[in-house]
Amino acid sequence: MATQTLEVIVFPGGFNWPIWAAQKIGAFEGNGLAINLTNTPNSVEQLTGLIDDRYHIGMTAIDNIVAYNEGQGAAETQNTSDLFAFMGGDNGFLQLVVQGDVNDYADLKGREISVDALTTGYAFVLLKMLELGGLSRDDYEIVQAGGALQRFEAMKEGAHAATLLVTPFEILGGFSGLNVLQSGIDVIRPYQGLVGGARRSWAADNQDALVGYIKAYLSGLDWLYAPENRDEALQILVDNIPQMTPELAATISEKLLNPVDGFARAAKIDLAGVRTVLNLRSEFGDPQKDLADPDAYIDLTFYDKAING
């Protein structure tokens, strides 16, 4: 069987663990695939790259898919967006990380808070957390500073007062004097974060490849949750995340594999969580739209074939 190479673009972070595990156990090869994994510097590169055919699959926030499909994306694209989510992933593992002198939301008044892009990339979760924390939009300044890795590095240098990061960056930040002010999922629940996304047009022409990708991902996920693989699984984190140690990997694994708030078992999409995403985008999106139908951005046809085939 000929091997098909897929270009997959992801954000750097521990949520790529199932992909790394699938690579380790040969799950992609077993489904006739080879994976070129690219870390994106920001959501603009990821989403424009998907829409304009530079990448086949993206592990991204479903909010990003909605944004570009609805004409609310952060950048122009050559092609019209026909992105959709074909499987779930997690709740985002979102953490409001702050400088050491920030003890509550009031300490953020008059200071810079960084985002990937104000129109996408979990920015609306951040805005809602700040609002619920008692801050008005005039109380702080939003600055664009790139993806999670770039914002994490900027935070370590003291460039901004706060940003919304994903696991494991909040744990790594503790070694640089950064703190977690609040967990996003504790404030906004339920919430659908990461999903597998692709273009509908590409998926229609590459059904076997997409089904194979889902099968491989699920194999990696199941392998991670098997207790007998713990030591090997932790080593994967050490090998793939800078500054990672076995001790840190063990701590991070408790979050990522948490039976309640960790990776979604069987990579299912949380429809209630998608509705929360749509509610936030209806509130903060520009141009303003009333978005209420999760099915407009989801197609589980390929997922169902992977599960049942």
Protein backbone atom coordinates (compact mmCIF):
# COMPACT_ATOMS: atom_id res chain seq x y z
CA MET A 1 0.00 0.00 0.00
CA ALA A 2 1.39 3.42 -0.98
CA THR A 3 2.07 5.82 1.88
CA GLN A 4 0.32 9.19 1.82
CA THR A 5 2.06 12.12 3.49
CA LEU A 6 -0.09 14.52 5.47
CA GLU A 7 0.97 18.03 6.38
CA VAL A 8 -0.31 18.61 9.93
CA ILE A 9 0.02 21.99 11.66
CA VAL A 10 -0.27 22.27 15.43
CA PHE A 11 0.39 24.70 18.24
CA PRO A 12 3.39 23.77 20.40
CA GLY A 13 2.31 22.15 23.65
CA GLY A 14 1.45 19.06 25.60
CA PHE A 15 -1.87 18.63 23.81
CA ASN A 16 0.14 17.09 20.95
CA TRP A 17 0.91 14.12 23.19
CA PRO A 18 -1.55 11.76 21.44
CA ILE A 19 0.07 12.57 18.08
CA TRP A 20 3.56 11.97 19.44
CA ALA A 21 2.36 8.70 20.98
CA ALA A 22 0.80 7.62 17.68
CA GLN A 23 4.11 8.33 15.96
CA LYS A 24 6.01 6.29 18.55
CA ILE A 25 3.83 3.20 18.23
CA GLY A 26 3.72 3.35 14.42
CA ALA A 27 -0.01 4.05 14.26
CA PHE A 28 0.24 6.43 11.32
CA GLU A 29 2.35 4.00 9.31
CA GLY A 30 -0.14 1.28 10.17
CA ASN A 31 -2.81 3.34 8.46
CA GLY A 32 -0.75 4.06 5.36
CA LEU A 33 0.28 7.55 6.42
CA ALA A 34 3.38 9.62 7.03
CA ILE A 35 3.05 12.81 9.09
CA ASN A 36 4.95 16.06 8.65
CA LEU A 37 4.26 17.91 11.89
CA THR A 38 4.68 21.70 11.86
CA ASN A 39 4.53 23.94 14.93
CA THR A 40 2.70 27.15 14.06
CA PRO A 41 3.90 30.49 15.45
CA ASN A 42 0.32 31.78 15.68
CA SER A 43 -3.27 31.13 14.67
CA VAL A 44 -3.02 33.29 11.54
CA GLU A 45 -0.34 31.07 10.00
CA GLN A 46 -2.24 27.94 10.97
CA LEU A 47 -5.66 28.95 9.70
CA THR A 48 -4.54 30.73 6.54
CA GLY A 49 -2.24 27.79 5.83
CA LEU A 50 -5.13 25.35 6.11
CA ILE A 51 -7.53 27.41 4.06
CA ASP A 52 -4.97 28.16 1.36
CA ASP A 53 -3.83 24.54 0.93
CA ARG A 54 -0.40 24.67 2.60
CA TYR A 55 -1.53 22.14 5.22
CA HIS A 56 -4.04 19.30 5.21
CA ILE A 57 -4.97 18.98 8.89
CA GLY A 58 -4.78 21.35 11.84
CA MET A 59 -5.17 20.66 15.52
CA THR A 60 -6.77 23.96 16.44
CA ALA A 61 -9.42 25.62 18.56
CA ILE A 62 -12.88 25.12 17.11
CA ASP A 63 -13.31 28.85 17.74
CA ASN A 64 -10.74 29.44 15.00
CA ILE A 65 -12.75 27.35 12.54
CA VAL A 66 -15.92 29.27 13.35
CA ALA A 67 -14.13 32.60 13.05
CA TYR A 68 -12.77 32.06 9.55
CA ASN A 69 -15.94 30.39 8.27
CA GLU A 70 -17.96 33.38 9.49
CA GLY A 71 -15.68 36.04 8.03
CA GLN A 72 -14.36 37.02 11.46
CA GLY A 73 -10.82 35.73 11.05
CA ALA A 74 -7.70 37.74 11.84
CA ALA A 75 -6.34 37.69 8.26
CA GLU A 76 -7.45 37.54 4.66
CA THR A 77 -7.18 34.25 2.77
CA GLN A 78 -6.92 33.45 -0.92
CA ASN A 79 -9.57 30.72 -0.69
CA THR A 80 -12.97 30.85 0.95
CA SER A 81 -12.92 28.95 4.21
CA ASP A 82 -14.71 25.59 4.18
CA LEU A 83 -13.13 24.30 7.39
CA PHE A 84 -14.86 21.84 9.67
CA ALA A 85 -14.11 19.90 12.85
CA PHE A 86 -13.90 16.13 12.35
CA MET A 87 -13.08 15.10 15.93
CA GLY A 88 -12.59 16.57 19.38
CA GLY A 89 -9.55 16.83 21.58
CA ASP A 90 -9.79 18.72 24.86
CA ASN A 91 -11.30 21.66 26.74
CA GLY A 92 -8.36 23.90 25.93
CA PHE A 93 -6.42 23.44 29.20
CA LEU A 94 -6.65 27.23 29.49
CA GLN A 95 -4.88 29.03 32.34
CA LEU A 96 -4.73 32.76 33.03
CA VAL A 97 -1.02 33.18 33.74
CA VAL A 98 0.16 36.41 35.40
CA GLN A 99 3.32 38.08 36.62
CA GLY A 100 4.34 37.49 40.22
CA ASP A 101 3.04 40.86 41.40
CA VAL A 102 -0.50 40.15 40.23
CA ASN A 103 -2.68 38.75 43.02
CA ASP A 104 -6.16 39.48 41.66
CA TYR A 105 -7.90 40.92 38.63
CA ALA A 106 -7.71 44.46 40.01
CA ASP A 107 -3.91 44.28 39.73
CA LEU A 108 -4.27 44.08 35.94
CA LYS A 109 -5.75 47.58 35.62
CA GLY A 110 -3.75 49.81 33.32
CA ARG A 111 -1.48 47.00 32.15
CA GLU A 112 -0.86 45.03 28.96
CA ILE A 113 -2.47 41.61 28.46
CA SER A 114 -1.35 39.57 25.49
CA VAL A 115 -3.28 37.41 23.02
CA ASP A 116 -2.53 35.46 19.86
CA ALA A 117 -5.09 37.38 17.83
CA LEU A 118 -7.98 39.36 19.24
CA THR A 119 -10.44 37.71 16.84
CA THR A 120 -9.37 34.09 17.51
CA GLY A 121 -7.18 31.87 19.64
CA TYR A 122 -9.16 31.75 22.87
CA ALA A 123 -9.15 35.55 23.13
CA PHE A 124 -12.87 35.59 23.87
CA VAL A 125 -12.40 33.27 26.83
CA LEU A 126 -9.83 35.70 28.15
CA LEU A 127 -12.13 38.70 27.62
CA LYS A 128 -14.95 36.93 29.45
CA MET A 129 -12.69 35.98 32.36
CA LEU A 130 -11.53 39.59 32.68
CA GLU A 131 -15.14 40.80 32.55
CA LEU A 132 -16.27 38.34 35.19
CA GLY A 133 -13.22 39.34 37.23
CA GLY A 134 -14.59 42.87 37.43
CA LEU A 135 -12.62 44.59 34.66
CA SER A 136 -14.10 46.70 31.89
CA ARG A 137 -12.59 46.79 28.41
CA ASP A 138 -11.05 50.20 29.20
CA ASP A 139 -9.19 48.89 32.24
CA TYR A 140 -6.39 47.14 30.31
CA GLU A 141 -4.64 47.09 26.95
CA ILE A 142 -4.73 44.04 24.67
CA VAL A 143 -1.59 43.38 22.61
CA GLN A 144 -0.99 40.67 19.99
CA ALA A 145 2.10 38.62 20.81
CA GLY A 146 1.89 35.37 18.82
CA GLY A 147 1.07 31.80 19.77
CA ALA A 148 1.30 30.22 23.21
CA LEU A 149 5.05 29.60 23.03
CA GLN A 150 5.79 33.15 21.94
CA ARG A 151 3.55 34.64 24.63
CA PHE A 152 5.11 32.37 27.25
CA GLU A 153 8.60 33.55 26.34
CA ALA A 154 7.44 37.17 26.42
CA MET A 155 5.86 36.66 29.84
CA LYS A 156 9.11 35.22 31.19
CA GLU A 157 10.84 38.43 30.06
CA GLY A 158 8.21 40.53 31.85
CA ALA A 159 6.81 41.98 28.62
CA HIS A 160 3.15 41.68 29.65
CA ALA A 161 1.16 41.42 32.85
CA ALA A 162 -0.97 38.44 31.85
CA THR A 163 -1.93 36.05 29.09
CA LEU A 164 -4.04 32.95 28.59
CA LEU A 165 -1.78 29.91 28.20
CA VAL A 166 -2.26 26.17 27.81
CA THR A 167 -0.74 23.29 29.73
CA PRO A 168 2.21 22.79 30.28
CA PHE A 169 3.24 26.45 29.98
CA GLU A 170 1.61 27.46 33.26
CA ILE A 171 3.64 24.78 35.06
CA LEU A 172 6.88 25.75 33.35
CA GLY A 173 6.14 29.39 34.12
CA GLY A 174 6.24 28.69 37.82
CA PHE A 175 10.00 28.33 37.57
CA SER A 176 10.22 31.89 36.24
CA GLY A 177 8.05 33.49 38.89
CA LEU A 178 4.81 33.36 36.92
CA ASN A 179 1.55 32.36 38.62
CA VAL A 180 -1.88 31.10 37.61
CA LEU A 181 -4.60 33.55 38.53
CA GLN A 182 -7.49 31.32 37.46
CA SER A 183 -8.26 28.31 35.30
CA GLY A 184 -10.39 29.00 32.25
CA ILE A 185 -12.44 25.83 32.62
CA ASP A 186 -13.28 26.79 36.22
CA VAL A 187 -14.84 29.99 34.92
CA ILE A 188 -16.34 28.93 31.58
CA ARG A 189 -17.70 25.40 31.55
CA PRO A 190 -18.47 23.48 29.41
CA TYR A 191 -16.02 24.54 26.69
CA GLN A 192 -14.75 22.83 23.55
CA GLY A 193 -11.12 23.72 22.95
CA LEU A 194 -8.93 21.72 20.61
CA VAL A 195 -10.39 19.84 17.64
CA GLY A 196 -9.07 18.21 14.50
CA GLY A 197 -9.86 20.48 11.57
CA ALA A 198 -9.59 20.25 7.79
CA ARG A 199 -11.18 21.65 4.64
CA ARG A 200 -14.36 19.96 3.50
CA SER A 201 -13.09 19.97 -0.08
CA TRP A 202 -9.82 18.23 0.89
CA ALA A 203 -11.62 15.71 3.09
CA ALA A 204 -14.01 14.76 0.28
CA ASP A 205 -11.04 13.89 -1.94
CA ASN A 206 -9.00 12.18 0.80
CA GLN A 207 -11.52 10.22 2.85
CA ASP A 208 -9.28 7.21 3.51
CA ALA A 209 -6.41 9.40 4.64
CA LEU A 210 -8.58 11.37 7.05
CA VAL A 211 -10.15 8.22 8.49
CA GLY A 212 -6.66 6.76 8.87
CA TYR A 213 -5.45 9.88 10.67
CA ILE A 214 -8.34 9.65 13.13
CA LYS A 215 -7.67 5.95 13.73
CA ALA A 216 -3.99 6.64 14.39
CA TYR A 217 -4.77 9.52 16.75
CA LEU A 218 -7.22 7.37 18.69
CA SER A 219 -4.63 4.60 18.94
CA GLY A 220 -2.15 7.08 20.38
CA LEU A 221 -4.73 8.38 22.84
CA ASP A 222 -5.68 4.88 24.02
CA TRP A 223 -1.99 4.04 24.42
CA LEU A 224 -1.46 7.09 26.64
CA TYR A 225 -4.34 6.15 28.94
CA ALA A 226 -3.03 2.59 29.43
CA PRO A 227 -1.24 2.51 32.84
CA GLU A 228 1.37 0.03 31.64
CA ASN A 229 2.68 2.64 29.17
CA ARG A 230 3.20 5.39 31.75
CA ASP A 231 7.01 5.46 31.80
CA GLU A 232 7.32 5.46 28.02
CA ALA A 233 4.58 8.05 27.74
CA LEU A 234 6.33 10.41 30.16
CA GLN A 235 9.54 10.05 28.20
CA ILE A 236 7.68 11.24 25.09
CA LEU A 237 6.92 14.53 26.89
CA VAL A 238 10.54 14.87 27.95
CA ASP A 239 11.70 14.27 24.38
CA ASN A 240 9.30 16.73 22.77
CA ILE A 241 8.96 19.69 25.15
CA PRO A 242 11.91 21.99 25.90
CA GLN A 243 12.87 22.31 29.59
CA MET A 244 10.88 19.19 30.40
CA THR A 245 12.10 16.83 33.14
CA PRO A 246 10.69 13.44 34.21
CA GLU A 247 9.31 15.05 37.36
CA LEU A 248 7.57 17.83 35.44
CA ALA A 249 6.27 15.33 32.92
CA ALA A 250 4.63 13.37 35.73
CA THR A 251 2.95 16.53 37.02
CA ILE A 252 1.74 17.52 33.57
CA SER A 253 0.42 14.04 32.87
CA GLU A 254 -1.93 14.32 35.84
CA LYS A 255 -3.62 17.26 34.10
CA LEU A 256 -3.60 15.96 30.55
CA LEU A 257 -4.87 12.51 31.51
CA ASN A 258 -7.28 13.69 34.19
CA PRO A 259 -10.44 11.54 33.82
CA VAL A 260 -12.69 14.62 34.11
CA ASP A 261 -10.81 17.54 32.55
CA GLY A 262 -8.06 15.81 30.56
CA PHE A 263 -8.02 14.67 26.95
CA ALA A 264 -11.51 13.77 25.78
CA ARG A 265 -11.74 9.99 25.78
CA ALA A 266 -12.19 8.73 22.24
CA ALA A 267 -11.60 12.34 21.08
CA LYS A 268 -15.31 13.12 21.24
CA ILE A 269 -16.65 16.61 20.57
CA ASP A 270 -18.56 18.22 23.45
CA LEU A 271 -21.58 19.80 21.76
CA ALA A 272 -22.48 21.77 24.87
CA GLY A 273 -18.91 23.07 24.88
CA VAL A 274 -19.25 24.11 21.23
CA ARG A 275 -22.39 26.05 22.12
CA THR A 276 -20.37 27.94 24.73
CA VAL A 277 -17.84 28.81 22.01
CA LEU A 278 -20.65 30.08 19.79
CA ASN A 279 -22.18 32.11 22.63
CA LEU A 280 -18.85 33.84 23.26
CA ARG A 281 -18.32 34.52 19.56
CA SER A 282 -21.86 35.89 19.30
CA GLU A 283 -20.98 38.29 22.12
CA PHE A 284 -17.48 39.38 21.09
CA GLY A 285 -17.16 38.58 17.37
CA ASP A 286 -16.76 41.29 14.74
CA PRO A 287 -18.81 41.68 12.64
CA GLN A 288 -21.41 40.70 15.19
CA LYS A 289 -23.42 37.59 14.35
CA ASP A 290 -25.88 35.43 16.25
CA LEU A 291 -24.32 31.95 16.08
CA ALA A 292 -26.21 29.01 17.53
CA ASP A 293 -25.82 25.86 15.38
CA PRO A 294 -22.83 23.61 16.26
CA ASP A 295 -23.61 21.32 13.32
CA ALA A 296 -22.63 24.08 10.90
CA TYR A 297 -18.98 23.55 11.85
CA ILE A 298 -18.85 19.80 12.54
CA ASP A 299 -18.97 16.68 10.36
CA LEU A 300 -18.50 13.39 12.19
CA THR A 301 -18.82 11.21 9.09
CA PHE A 302 -15.09 10.43 9.00
CA TYR A 303 -14.92 9.96 12.77
CA ASP A 304 -17.78 7.47 12.67
CA LYS A 305 -16.02 5.50 9.93
CA ALA A 306 -12.83 5.45 11.99
CA ILE A 307 -14.69 4.19 15.07
CA ASN A 308 -16.83 1.62 13.27
CA GLY A 309 -14.60 0.62 10.38
